[in-house]
N, C-alpha and C. Protein backbone atom coordinates (compact mmCIF):
# COMPACT_ATOMS: atom_id res chain seq x y z
N MET A 1 6.34 -19.54 14.52
CA MET A 1 5.48 -20.40 13.77
C MET A 1 4.34 -19.50 13.26
N LEU A 2 3.85 -19.62 11.98
CA LEU A 2 2.92 -18.74 11.27
C LEU A 2 1.67 -19.39 11.40
N ARG A 3 0.56 -18.66 11.94
CA ARG A 3 -0.71 -19.30 11.92
C ARG A 3 -1.75 -18.30 11.32
N ALA A 4 -2.67 -18.75 10.58
CA ALA A 4 -3.84 -17.87 10.29
C ALA A 4 -4.80 -18.06 10.93
N LEU A 5 -5.39 -16.85 11.56
CA LEU A 5 -6.37 -16.98 12.56
C LEU A 5 -7.66 -16.31 12.07
N THR A 6 -8.67 -16.88 11.59
CA THR A 6 -9.94 -16.62 11.12
C THR A 6 -11.13 -17.49 11.41
N ALA A 7 -12.04 -16.87 11.35
CA ALA A 7 -13.61 -17.61 11.66
C ALA A 7 -14.48 -17.46 10.68
N PRO A 8 -15.63 -18.25 10.65
CA PRO A 8 -16.67 -17.54 9.72
C PRO A 8 -17.02 -16.22 9.98
N GLY A 9 -17.56 -15.66 8.67
CA GLY A 9 -17.94 -14.42 8.63
C GLY A 9 -16.91 -13.42 8.56
N GLY A 10 -15.51 -13.86 8.55
CA GLY A 10 -14.45 -12.97 8.62
C GLY A 10 -14.00 -12.37 10.00
N MET A 11 -14.63 -12.96 11.04
CA MET A 11 -14.21 -12.42 12.24
C MET A 11 -12.77 -12.89 12.64
N VAL A 12 -12.01 -12.31 13.31
CA VAL A 12 -10.63 -12.87 13.51
C VAL A 12 -10.71 -13.48 14.98
N THR A 13 -10.35 -14.51 15.08
CA THR A 13 -10.13 -15.34 16.36
C THR A 13 -8.73 -15.99 16.53
N ALA A 14 -8.46 -16.04 17.75
CA ALA A 14 -7.04 -16.69 18.09
C ALA A 14 -7.35 -17.61 19.51
N PRO A 15 -7.75 -18.87 19.22
CA PRO A 15 -7.94 -19.72 20.43
C PRO A 15 -6.49 -19.62 21.07
N HIS A 16 -6.53 -19.53 22.46
CA HIS A 16 -5.31 -19.56 23.26
C HIS A 16 -4.26 -20.49 22.91
N HIS A 17 -4.58 -21.59 22.60
CA HIS A 17 -3.67 -22.62 22.34
C HIS A 17 -2.74 -22.20 20.81
N LEU A 18 -3.69 -21.61 20.15
CA LEU A 18 -2.95 -21.38 18.72
C LEU A 18 -2.12 -20.18 19.00
N ALA A 19 -2.48 -19.03 19.85
CA ALA A 19 -1.78 -17.93 20.00
C ALA A 19 -0.37 -18.22 20.60
N ALA A 20 -0.68 -19.18 21.53
CA ALA A 20 0.59 -19.58 22.24
C ALA A 20 1.67 -20.17 21.39
N GLN A 21 1.36 -20.60 20.25
CA GLN A 21 2.27 -21.42 19.45
C GLN A 21 2.73 -20.63 18.34
N SER A 22 2.19 -19.44 18.04
CA SER A 22 2.44 -18.49 17.06
C SER A 22 3.36 -17.24 17.38
N ASP A 23 4.05 -16.81 16.36
CA ASP A 23 4.86 -15.73 16.49
C ASP A 23 4.56 -14.56 15.48
N THR A 24 3.70 -15.06 14.54
CA THR A 24 3.48 -14.11 13.32
C THR A 24 1.83 -14.32 13.01
N LEU A 25 1.24 -13.25 12.90
CA LEU A 25 -0.29 -13.20 12.29
C LEU A 25 -0.09 -12.73 10.78
N LEU A 26 -0.33 -13.74 9.86
CA LEU A 26 -0.62 -13.17 8.50
C LEU A 26 -2.00 -12.78 8.17
N MET A 27 -2.21 -11.79 7.83
CA MET A 27 -3.54 -11.49 7.57
C MET A 27 -3.77 -10.43 6.44
N VAL A 28 -4.76 -10.72 5.53
CA VAL A 28 -5.22 -9.76 4.45
C VAL A 28 -6.61 -9.36 4.92
N GLY A 29 -6.80 -8.10 5.05
CA GLY A 29 -8.09 -7.60 5.70
C GLY A 29 -8.18 -6.04 5.42
N ASN A 30 -9.42 -5.66 5.52
CA ASN A 30 -9.60 -4.17 5.78
C ASN A 30 -9.45 -3.56 6.97
N VAL A 31 -9.58 -2.37 7.27
CA VAL A 31 -9.14 -1.77 8.41
C VAL A 31 -9.95 -2.44 9.81
N GLY A 32 -11.18 -2.51 9.76
CA GLY A 32 -11.81 -3.20 11.06
C GLY A 32 -11.23 -4.40 11.46
N PRO A 33 -11.42 -5.59 10.40
CA PRO A 33 -10.64 -6.95 10.89
C PRO A 33 -9.18 -6.75 10.99
N SER A 34 -8.56 -6.03 10.48
CA SER A 34 -7.06 -5.76 10.75
C SER A 34 -6.88 -5.31 12.12
N ALA A 35 -7.54 -4.24 12.51
CA ALA A 35 -7.33 -3.77 13.89
C ALA A 35 -7.97 -4.84 14.79
N GLN A 36 -8.91 -5.62 14.61
CA GLN A 36 -9.42 -6.68 15.41
C GLN A 36 -8.30 -7.68 15.71
N GLY A 37 -7.62 -8.18 14.63
CA GLY A 37 -6.48 -8.99 14.71
C GLY A 37 -5.49 -8.66 15.61
N CYS A 38 -5.18 -7.02 15.72
CA CYS A 38 -4.09 -6.68 16.55
C CYS A 38 -4.66 -6.93 18.09
N GLU A 39 -5.83 -6.52 18.11
CA GLU A 39 -6.53 -6.77 19.62
C GLU A 39 -6.66 -8.13 19.89
N VAL A 40 -7.13 -9.04 19.19
CA VAL A 40 -6.98 -10.47 19.50
C VAL A 40 -5.49 -10.91 19.88
N THR A 41 -4.59 -10.56 19.18
CA THR A 41 -3.01 -10.95 19.52
C THR A 41 -2.65 -10.34 20.68
N ARG A 42 -3.08 -9.18 20.96
CA ARG A 42 -2.47 -8.51 22.13
C ARG A 42 -3.21 -9.13 23.47
N SER A 43 -4.54 -9.52 23.23
CA SER A 43 -5.36 -10.17 24.44
C SER A 43 -4.75 -11.57 24.70
N HIS A 44 -4.10 -12.40 23.64
CA HIS A 44 -3.53 -13.66 23.90
C HIS A 44 -2.20 -13.65 24.11
N GLY A 45 -1.63 -12.47 24.17
CA GLY A 45 -0.16 -12.44 24.49
C GLY A 45 0.73 -12.45 23.43
N LEU A 46 0.32 -12.49 22.25
CA LEU A 46 1.17 -12.70 20.96
C LEU A 46 1.79 -11.54 20.71
N GLU A 47 3.25 -11.67 20.80
CA GLU A 47 4.08 -10.49 20.51
C GLU A 47 4.56 -10.81 19.08
N GLY A 48 5.08 -9.61 18.27
CA GLY A 48 5.97 -9.84 17.31
C GLY A 48 5.29 -8.97 16.07
N ALA A 49 5.75 -9.10 14.85
CA ALA A 49 5.32 -8.45 13.69
C ALA A 49 4.14 -9.09 13.26
N HIS A 50 3.03 -8.41 12.86
CA HIS A 50 1.97 -8.76 12.06
C HIS A 50 1.97 -8.31 11.01
N ARG A 51 2.08 -9.27 9.86
CA ARG A 51 2.14 -8.87 8.55
C ARG A 51 0.59 -8.84 7.67
N LEU A 52 0.55 -7.73 7.17
CA LEU A 52 -0.74 -7.47 6.48
C LEU A 52 -0.61 -7.09 5.16
N ALA A 53 -1.66 -7.00 4.30
CA ALA A 53 -1.58 -6.33 2.91
C ALA A 53 -2.44 -5.19 3.09
N LEU A 54 -2.32 -4.46 1.92
CA LEU A 54 -2.87 -3.03 1.85
C LEU A 54 -4.39 -2.71 2.58
N GLY A 55 -4.75 -3.55 3.05
CA GLY A 55 -6.28 -3.30 3.88
C GLY A 55 -6.01 -2.05 4.85
N PRO A 56 -5.15 -2.17 5.79
CA PRO A 56 -5.11 -1.18 6.84
C PRO A 56 -4.68 0.15 6.43
N VAL A 57 -4.38 0.63 5.18
CA VAL A 57 -3.79 1.93 4.83
C VAL A 57 -4.84 2.89 4.88
N GLY A 58 -6.05 2.61 4.85
CA GLY A 58 -7.13 3.66 5.01
C GLY A 58 -7.70 3.71 6.11
N GLY A 59 -8.71 4.61 6.38
CA GLY A 59 -9.54 4.68 7.59
C GLY A 59 -8.75 4.79 8.85
N ARG A 60 -9.23 4.33 9.91
CA ARG A 60 -8.59 4.72 11.20
C ARG A 60 -7.86 3.60 11.89
N PHE A 61 -7.19 2.79 11.18
CA PHE A 61 -6.47 1.57 11.54
C PHE A 61 -5.70 1.92 12.86
N SER A 62 -4.66 2.83 12.73
CA SER A 62 -3.96 2.98 13.98
C SER A 62 -4.75 3.52 15.12
N ASP A 63 -5.82 4.15 15.19
CA ASP A 63 -6.69 4.41 16.32
C ASP A 63 -7.34 3.19 16.84
N LEU A 64 -8.01 2.38 15.89
CA LEU A 64 -8.59 1.13 16.37
C LEU A 64 -7.66 0.10 16.72
N ALA A 65 -6.49 0.02 16.09
CA ALA A 65 -5.63 -1.06 16.65
C ALA A 65 -4.87 -0.85 17.94
N GLY A 66 -4.99 0.50 18.35
CA GLY A 66 -4.15 0.79 19.71
C GLY A 66 -2.86 0.88 19.60
N PRO A 67 -2.24 0.31 20.70
CA PRO A 67 -0.73 0.50 20.92
C PRO A 67 0.01 -0.46 19.83
N ASN A 68 -0.71 -1.63 19.63
CA ASN A 68 -0.17 -2.58 18.63
C ASN A 68 -0.03 -2.20 17.21
N ALA A 69 -0.49 -1.17 16.87
CA ALA A 69 -0.42 -0.66 15.45
C ALA A 69 1.00 -0.36 14.89
N LYS A 70 1.80 -0.29 16.21
CA LYS A 70 3.30 0.16 15.47
C LYS A 70 3.92 -1.37 15.16
N ASP A 71 3.29 -2.38 15.56
CA ASP A 71 3.82 -3.69 15.22
C ASP A 71 3.48 -4.43 14.04
N VAL A 72 2.58 -3.71 13.21
CA VAL A 72 2.03 -4.17 12.06
C VAL A 72 3.05 -3.57 10.95
N ILE A 73 3.52 -4.56 10.11
CA ILE A 73 4.17 -4.48 8.85
C ILE A 73 3.38 -4.83 7.63
N PHE A 74 3.30 -3.99 6.67
CA PHE A 74 2.69 -4.20 5.50
C PHE A 74 3.11 -3.58 4.39
N VAL A 75 2.67 -4.17 3.21
CA VAL A 75 3.20 -3.61 1.95
C VAL A 75 2.46 -2.47 1.36
N GLN A 76 3.34 -1.65 0.62
CA GLN A 76 2.70 -0.63 -0.12
C GLN A 76 3.66 -0.49 -1.35
N THR A 77 2.97 0.18 -2.47
CA THR A 77 3.87 0.51 -3.69
C THR A 77 4.73 1.72 -3.55
N TYR A 78 4.59 2.61 -2.65
CA TYR A 78 5.09 3.82 -2.72
C TYR A 78 5.26 4.37 -1.41
N SER A 79 6.44 5.20 -1.10
CA SER A 79 6.32 6.14 0.00
C SER A 79 6.82 7.51 -0.40
N PHE A 80 6.41 8.60 0.07
CA PHE A 80 6.96 9.90 -0.13
C PHE A 80 7.76 10.31 0.68
N PHE A 81 8.14 9.32 1.69
CA PHE A 81 9.46 9.53 2.64
C PHE A 81 10.67 9.24 1.97
N GLY A 82 11.75 9.66 2.28
CA GLY A 82 13.02 9.57 1.78
C GLY A 82 13.35 10.16 0.66
N LYS A 83 14.57 9.86 0.01
CA LYS A 83 14.77 10.53 -1.38
C LYS A 83 13.94 10.08 -2.57
N GLN A 84 13.52 11.28 -3.31
CA GLN A 84 12.53 10.98 -4.14
C GLN A 84 13.15 10.96 -5.58
N THR A 85 12.39 10.41 -6.56
CA THR A 85 12.74 10.64 -7.81
C THR A 85 12.35 12.01 -8.35
N PRO A 86 12.80 12.44 -9.51
CA PRO A 86 12.35 13.87 -10.06
C PRO A 86 10.85 13.80 -10.10
N VAL A 87 10.25 12.72 -10.38
CA VAL A 87 8.77 12.66 -10.41
C VAL A 87 8.02 12.87 -9.03
N GLY A 88 8.77 12.12 -8.15
CA GLY A 88 8.17 12.36 -6.86
C GLY A 88 8.44 13.74 -6.29
N GLU A 89 9.49 14.25 -6.46
CA GLU A 89 9.80 15.68 -6.09
C GLU A 89 8.59 16.55 -6.70
N ARG A 90 8.73 16.44 -8.02
CA ARG A 90 7.49 17.23 -8.67
C ARG A 90 6.20 16.97 -8.14
N VAL A 91 5.69 15.78 -8.12
CA VAL A 91 4.38 15.65 -7.48
C VAL A 91 4.04 16.09 -5.91
N LEU A 92 5.12 15.93 -5.14
CA LEU A 92 4.90 16.51 -3.75
C LEU A 92 5.11 17.94 -3.71
N ALA A 93 5.76 18.54 -4.59
CA ALA A 93 5.83 19.86 -4.55
C ALA A 93 4.28 20.45 -5.14
N ALA A 94 3.85 19.84 -6.15
CA ALA A 94 2.54 20.36 -6.62
C ALA A 94 1.39 19.89 -5.64
N LEU A 95 1.66 19.07 -4.88
CA LEU A 95 0.69 18.87 -3.78
C LEU A 95 0.70 19.74 -2.70
N LYS A 96 1.64 19.98 -2.24
CA LYS A 96 2.02 21.27 -1.43
C LYS A 96 1.35 22.49 -1.86
N LYS A 97 1.55 22.91 -3.23
CA LYS A 97 1.14 24.20 -3.65
C LYS A 97 -0.46 24.14 -3.76
N LYS A 98 -0.99 23.05 -4.27
CA LYS A 98 -2.34 23.20 -4.38
C LYS A 98 -3.12 22.91 -3.12
N TYR A 99 -2.75 22.19 -2.07
CA TYR A 99 -3.32 21.80 -0.90
C TYR A 99 -2.68 22.30 0.22
N SER A 100 -3.27 23.32 1.00
CA SER A 100 -2.46 24.02 2.10
C SER A 100 -2.38 23.06 3.34
N ASP A 101 -3.13 21.87 3.40
CA ASP A 101 -2.87 21.19 4.55
C ASP A 101 -1.81 20.07 4.29
N ILE A 102 -1.29 20.05 3.06
CA ILE A 102 -0.11 19.05 2.91
C ILE A 102 1.08 19.86 2.96
N LYS A 103 1.73 19.60 4.26
CA LYS A 103 3.20 20.10 4.51
C LYS A 103 4.27 19.22 4.09
N GLY A 104 4.02 17.93 4.22
CA GLY A 104 5.00 16.78 3.87
C GLY A 104 4.48 15.66 3.46
N PRO A 105 5.18 14.45 3.43
CA PRO A 105 4.82 13.20 3.37
C PRO A 105 3.63 12.65 4.28
N ASN A 106 3.89 13.03 5.46
CA ASN A 106 2.75 12.44 6.46
C ASN A 106 1.34 12.99 6.08
N ASP A 107 1.30 13.93 5.49
CA ASP A 107 -0.11 14.57 5.09
C ASP A 107 -0.76 13.92 3.67
N ILE A 108 -0.17 13.15 3.30
CA ILE A 108 -0.87 12.41 1.95
C ILE A 108 -1.08 11.12 2.32
N THR A 109 -2.54 10.91 2.67
CA THR A 109 -2.92 9.64 3.00
C THR A 109 -4.35 9.48 2.26
N PRO A 110 -4.39 8.15 1.73
CA PRO A 110 -3.51 7.08 1.83
C PRO A 110 -2.46 7.22 0.68
N ALA A 111 -1.28 7.29 0.99
CA ALA A 111 -0.21 7.56 -0.08
C ALA A 111 -0.34 6.43 -1.28
N VAL A 112 -0.47 5.33 -0.85
CA VAL A 112 -0.56 4.22 -1.86
C VAL A 112 -1.72 4.31 -2.73
N GLY A 113 -2.73 4.80 -2.25
CA GLY A 113 -4.09 4.92 -3.17
C GLY A 113 -3.56 6.01 -4.12
N TYR A 114 -3.29 7.44 -3.71
CA TYR A 114 -2.83 8.33 -4.46
C TYR A 114 -1.68 7.79 -5.61
N THR A 115 -0.69 7.33 -5.07
CA THR A 115 0.33 7.01 -6.29
C THR A 115 -0.05 5.97 -7.12
N ASN A 116 -0.99 5.00 -6.77
CA ASN A 116 -1.35 3.90 -7.89
C ASN A 116 -2.45 4.64 -8.76
N ALA A 117 -3.26 5.45 -8.31
CA ALA A 117 -4.24 6.16 -9.11
C ALA A 117 -3.28 7.15 -10.10
N TYR A 118 -2.30 7.80 -9.49
CA TYR A 118 -1.64 8.70 -10.53
C TYR A 118 -0.99 7.96 -11.67
N ASP A 119 -0.25 6.96 -11.20
CA ASP A 119 0.37 6.34 -12.34
C ASP A 119 -0.60 5.60 -13.28
N VAL A 120 -1.78 4.97 -12.75
CA VAL A 120 -2.72 4.31 -13.95
C VAL A 120 -3.30 5.39 -14.58
N MET A 121 -3.70 6.42 -14.18
CA MET A 121 -4.25 7.54 -15.01
C MET A 121 -3.43 7.81 -15.89
N HIS A 122 -2.11 8.28 -15.53
CA HIS A 122 -1.22 8.55 -16.69
C HIS A 122 -0.86 7.31 -17.67
N LEU A 123 -0.67 6.15 -17.14
CA LEU A 123 -0.72 5.11 -18.23
C LEU A 123 -1.79 4.95 -19.19
N THR A 124 -2.98 5.21 -18.60
CA THR A 124 -4.24 5.01 -19.39
C THR A 124 -4.25 6.28 -20.30
N ALA A 125 -3.83 7.51 -20.06
CA ALA A 125 -3.73 8.59 -21.02
C ALA A 125 -2.91 8.22 -22.13
N LEU A 126 -1.78 7.64 -21.97
CA LEU A 126 -0.69 7.31 -22.76
C LEU A 126 -1.31 6.37 -23.76
N ALA A 127 -1.94 5.42 -23.29
CA ALA A 127 -2.46 4.31 -24.01
C ALA A 127 -3.65 4.82 -24.85
N SER A 128 -4.48 5.85 -24.34
CA SER A 128 -5.21 6.43 -25.50
C SER A 128 -4.71 7.12 -26.41
N GLU A 129 -3.57 7.85 -26.06
CA GLU A 129 -2.72 8.75 -27.14
C GLU A 129 -2.40 7.87 -28.15
N LYS A 130 -1.81 6.61 -27.90
CA LYS A 130 -0.95 5.74 -28.70
C LYS A 130 -2.27 5.33 -29.85
N THR A 131 -3.27 5.21 -29.42
CA THR A 131 -4.48 4.51 -30.44
C THR A 131 -5.34 5.60 -30.72
N GLY A 132 -5.41 6.99 -30.33
CA GLY A 132 -6.27 7.93 -30.68
C GLY A 132 -7.58 7.74 -30.39
N SER A 133 -7.74 6.92 -29.38
CA SER A 133 -9.21 6.46 -28.97
C SER A 133 -9.35 6.49 -27.46
N THR A 134 -10.61 6.51 -27.13
CA THR A 134 -11.06 6.51 -25.71
C THR A 134 -11.76 5.00 -25.65
N ASN A 135 -11.95 4.18 -26.51
CA ASN A 135 -12.51 2.82 -26.57
C ASN A 135 -11.78 2.18 -25.82
N ASP A 136 -12.73 1.09 -24.99
CA ASP A 136 -11.75 0.44 -24.10
C ASP A 136 -10.87 -0.61 -24.69
N ASP A 137 -11.51 -1.21 -25.60
CA ASP A 137 -10.63 -2.27 -26.38
C ASP A 137 -9.29 -1.61 -27.01
N ALA A 138 -9.47 -0.50 -27.58
CA ALA A 138 -8.44 0.42 -28.20
C ALA A 138 -7.45 0.69 -27.05
N ILE A 139 -7.82 1.16 -25.85
CA ILE A 139 -6.96 1.32 -24.74
C ILE A 139 -6.15 0.15 -24.28
N ARG A 140 -6.90 -1.00 -24.21
CA ARG A 140 -6.12 -2.16 -23.93
C ARG A 140 -5.00 -2.42 -24.99
N HIS A 141 -5.28 -2.08 -26.20
CA HIS A 141 -4.14 -2.37 -27.05
C HIS A 141 -3.04 -1.28 -27.01
N GLY A 142 -3.53 -0.05 -26.67
CA GLY A 142 -2.58 1.10 -26.51
C GLY A 142 -1.75 0.80 -25.26
N TYR A 143 -2.17 0.16 -24.48
CA TYR A 143 -1.39 -0.23 -23.19
C TYR A 143 0.04 -0.98 -23.59
N TYR A 144 -0.22 -1.92 -24.65
CA TYR A 144 0.78 -2.77 -25.10
C TYR A 144 1.84 -1.92 -25.96
N LYS A 145 1.47 -0.89 -26.24
CA LYS A 145 2.25 0.06 -27.30
C LYS A 145 3.19 0.98 -26.31
N ILE A 146 3.05 0.99 -25.12
CA ILE A 146 3.77 2.03 -24.28
C ILE A 146 5.25 1.38 -24.12
N ASP A 147 6.08 2.13 -24.46
CA ASP A 147 7.49 1.85 -24.27
C ASP A 147 8.06 2.13 -23.18
N GLN A 148 8.01 3.37 -22.43
CA GLN A 148 8.50 3.68 -21.21
C GLN A 148 7.31 4.92 -20.76
N TYR A 149 7.47 4.86 -19.52
CA TYR A 149 6.83 6.02 -18.70
C TYR A 149 7.42 6.29 -17.39
N ASP A 150 7.96 7.55 -17.24
CA ASP A 150 8.41 7.67 -15.89
C ASP A 150 7.36 8.00 -14.83
N GLY A 151 6.97 6.99 -14.11
CA GLY A 151 5.83 7.29 -13.18
C GLY A 151 6.26 7.63 -11.62
N LEU A 152 5.41 7.56 -11.13
CA LEU A 152 5.57 8.11 -9.60
C LEU A 152 6.34 6.96 -8.83
N ILE A 153 5.53 5.72 -9.03
CA ILE A 153 5.99 4.43 -8.29
C ILE A 153 7.45 3.90 -8.84
N LYS A 154 7.59 4.11 -10.15
CA LYS A 154 8.84 3.59 -10.89
C LYS A 154 8.70 4.05 -12.40
N THR A 155 9.84 3.84 -12.73
CA THR A 155 9.99 3.77 -14.59
C THR A 155 9.53 2.64 -15.21
N TYR A 156 8.49 2.75 -15.66
CA TYR A 156 7.65 1.66 -16.32
C TYR A 156 8.38 1.28 -17.84
N ASN A 157 9.12 0.18 -18.01
CA ASN A 157 9.54 -0.18 -19.32
C ASN A 157 8.72 -1.29 -19.84
N LYS A 158 8.02 -1.26 -20.98
CA LYS A 158 7.19 -2.13 -21.70
C LYS A 158 6.17 -2.62 -20.59
N PRO A 159 5.53 -1.77 -19.87
CA PRO A 159 4.86 -2.27 -18.72
C PRO A 159 3.60 -3.35 -18.92
N PHE A 160 3.25 -3.41 -20.17
CA PHE A 160 2.04 -4.26 -20.49
C PHE A 160 2.29 -5.06 -21.72
N SER A 161 1.77 -6.29 -21.69
CA SER A 161 1.88 -7.05 -23.10
C SER A 161 0.44 -7.99 -23.01
N PRO A 162 0.23 -8.60 -24.19
CA PRO A 162 -0.86 -9.58 -24.09
C PRO A 162 -0.83 -10.52 -23.11
N LYS A 163 0.45 -10.96 -22.62
CA LYS A 163 0.61 -11.98 -21.53
C LYS A 163 0.87 -11.38 -20.20
N ASN A 164 1.07 -10.00 -20.25
CA ASN A 164 1.40 -9.31 -18.85
C ASN A 164 0.42 -8.28 -18.59
N HIS A 165 -0.41 -8.31 -17.74
CA HIS A 165 -1.37 -7.24 -17.53
C HIS A 165 -1.17 -6.60 -16.25
N ASP A 166 -0.30 -6.79 -15.67
CA ASP A 166 0.24 -6.02 -14.34
C ASP A 166 1.59 -5.16 -14.38
N ALA A 167 1.37 -4.01 -14.30
CA ALA A 167 2.80 -3.27 -14.51
C ALA A 167 3.46 -3.10 -13.25
N ILE A 168 2.90 -3.64 -12.11
CA ILE A 168 3.76 -3.63 -10.93
C ILE A 168 3.94 -5.13 -10.53
N GLY A 169 5.32 -5.32 -10.27
CA GLY A 169 5.79 -6.61 -9.96
C GLY A 169 6.30 -6.65 -8.55
N GLN A 170 6.69 -7.91 -8.29
CA GLN A 170 7.13 -8.03 -6.83
C GLN A 170 8.15 -7.42 -6.12
N ASP A 171 9.12 -6.65 -7.04
CA ASP A 171 10.23 -5.95 -6.80
C ASP A 171 9.43 -4.51 -6.53
N ASP A 172 8.30 -4.12 -6.79
CA ASP A 172 7.83 -2.76 -6.53
C ASP A 172 7.26 -2.29 -5.38
N TYR A 173 7.31 -3.26 -4.33
CA TYR A 173 6.76 -2.91 -2.86
C TYR A 173 7.79 -2.48 -2.03
N VAL A 174 7.20 -1.80 -0.81
CA VAL A 174 8.00 -1.42 0.08
C VAL A 174 7.39 -1.71 1.41
N TRP A 175 8.13 -2.33 2.33
CA TRP A 175 7.54 -2.55 3.74
C TRP A 175 7.38 -1.31 4.52
N THR A 176 5.93 -1.26 5.07
CA THR A 176 5.95 -0.08 5.81
C THR A 176 5.22 -0.30 7.29
N GLN A 177 5.12 0.71 8.06
CA GLN A 177 4.34 0.32 9.54
C GLN A 177 3.88 1.72 10.00
N PHE A 178 2.96 1.75 10.75
CA PHE A 178 2.55 2.97 11.27
C PHE A 178 3.37 3.36 12.55
N ILE A 179 3.95 4.65 12.41
CA ILE A 179 4.71 5.23 13.68
C ILE A 179 4.03 6.56 13.90
N ASP A 180 3.48 6.65 15.06
CA ASP A 180 2.76 7.89 15.52
C ASP A 180 1.61 7.99 14.64
N GLY A 181 0.80 7.05 14.27
CA GLY A 181 -0.32 7.35 13.43
C GLY A 181 -0.02 7.56 11.87
N LYS A 182 1.27 7.67 11.54
CA LYS A 182 1.48 7.82 10.00
C LYS A 182 2.19 6.49 9.50
N ILE A 183 2.05 6.38 8.17
CA ILE A 183 2.52 5.23 7.56
C ILE A 183 4.01 5.73 6.92
N VAL A 184 4.97 4.85 7.38
CA VAL A 184 6.43 5.06 7.09
C VAL A 184 7.17 3.88 6.78
N PRO A 185 8.04 3.81 5.78
CA PRO A 185 8.96 2.76 5.51
C PRO A 185 9.51 2.12 6.90
N VAL A 186 9.53 0.70 7.00
CA VAL A 186 10.02 0.29 8.13
C VAL A 186 11.55 0.65 8.27
N GLY A 187 12.05 1.01 9.43
CA GLY A 187 13.34 1.34 9.85
C GLY A 187 13.61 2.83 9.67
N THR A 188 12.65 3.75 9.25
CA THR A 188 12.92 5.11 9.10
C THR A 188 12.51 5.85 10.28
N GLY A 189 11.64 5.20 10.97
CA GLY A 189 11.06 5.98 12.25
C GLY A 189 10.37 7.33 11.89
N GLY A 190 9.98 7.27 10.79
CA GLY A 190 8.98 8.46 10.35
C GLY A 190 9.78 9.55 9.95
N LYS A 191 10.92 9.65 9.60
CA LYS A 191 11.97 10.51 9.10
C LYS A 191 11.79 10.38 7.38
């Protein structure tokens, strides 16, 4: 059974009778409340996957959440783990070359923030090129003129229209989890 466990002020609570009846905690929150949710469920004996949205990808979530961090499954738009597209290979190689502390996918944190910013900046530059302007209204119309862009997250085909202002859709997400303090796709074990 799925239960949402919150209290006024954003504090995460799990009355014992609710925790005993639940097998999953669905939570959208930032690092602190997400980690607190892990502690609350642990203290009430609630085992199982905790589904969270983007909030725990930054900061010290895996430190704050303790041993239950590995049970948290959340969504991201990209992972540098696994087989990469040519764009992913190029970007990963450029990051390693520019930053000596980046040796591999584990070192790009938070990857979702980097990849989203990478694609949106390139899409915005394309929109500006399409209209020859940096005016905000012109750029908005320039987005509509983008036919295709080979991005880091995906290849965008007609990503924007007057009725669609979101280039990322439901099929563009990957389930991830923390393994040894690193964000990796579920089932990869950090490889």
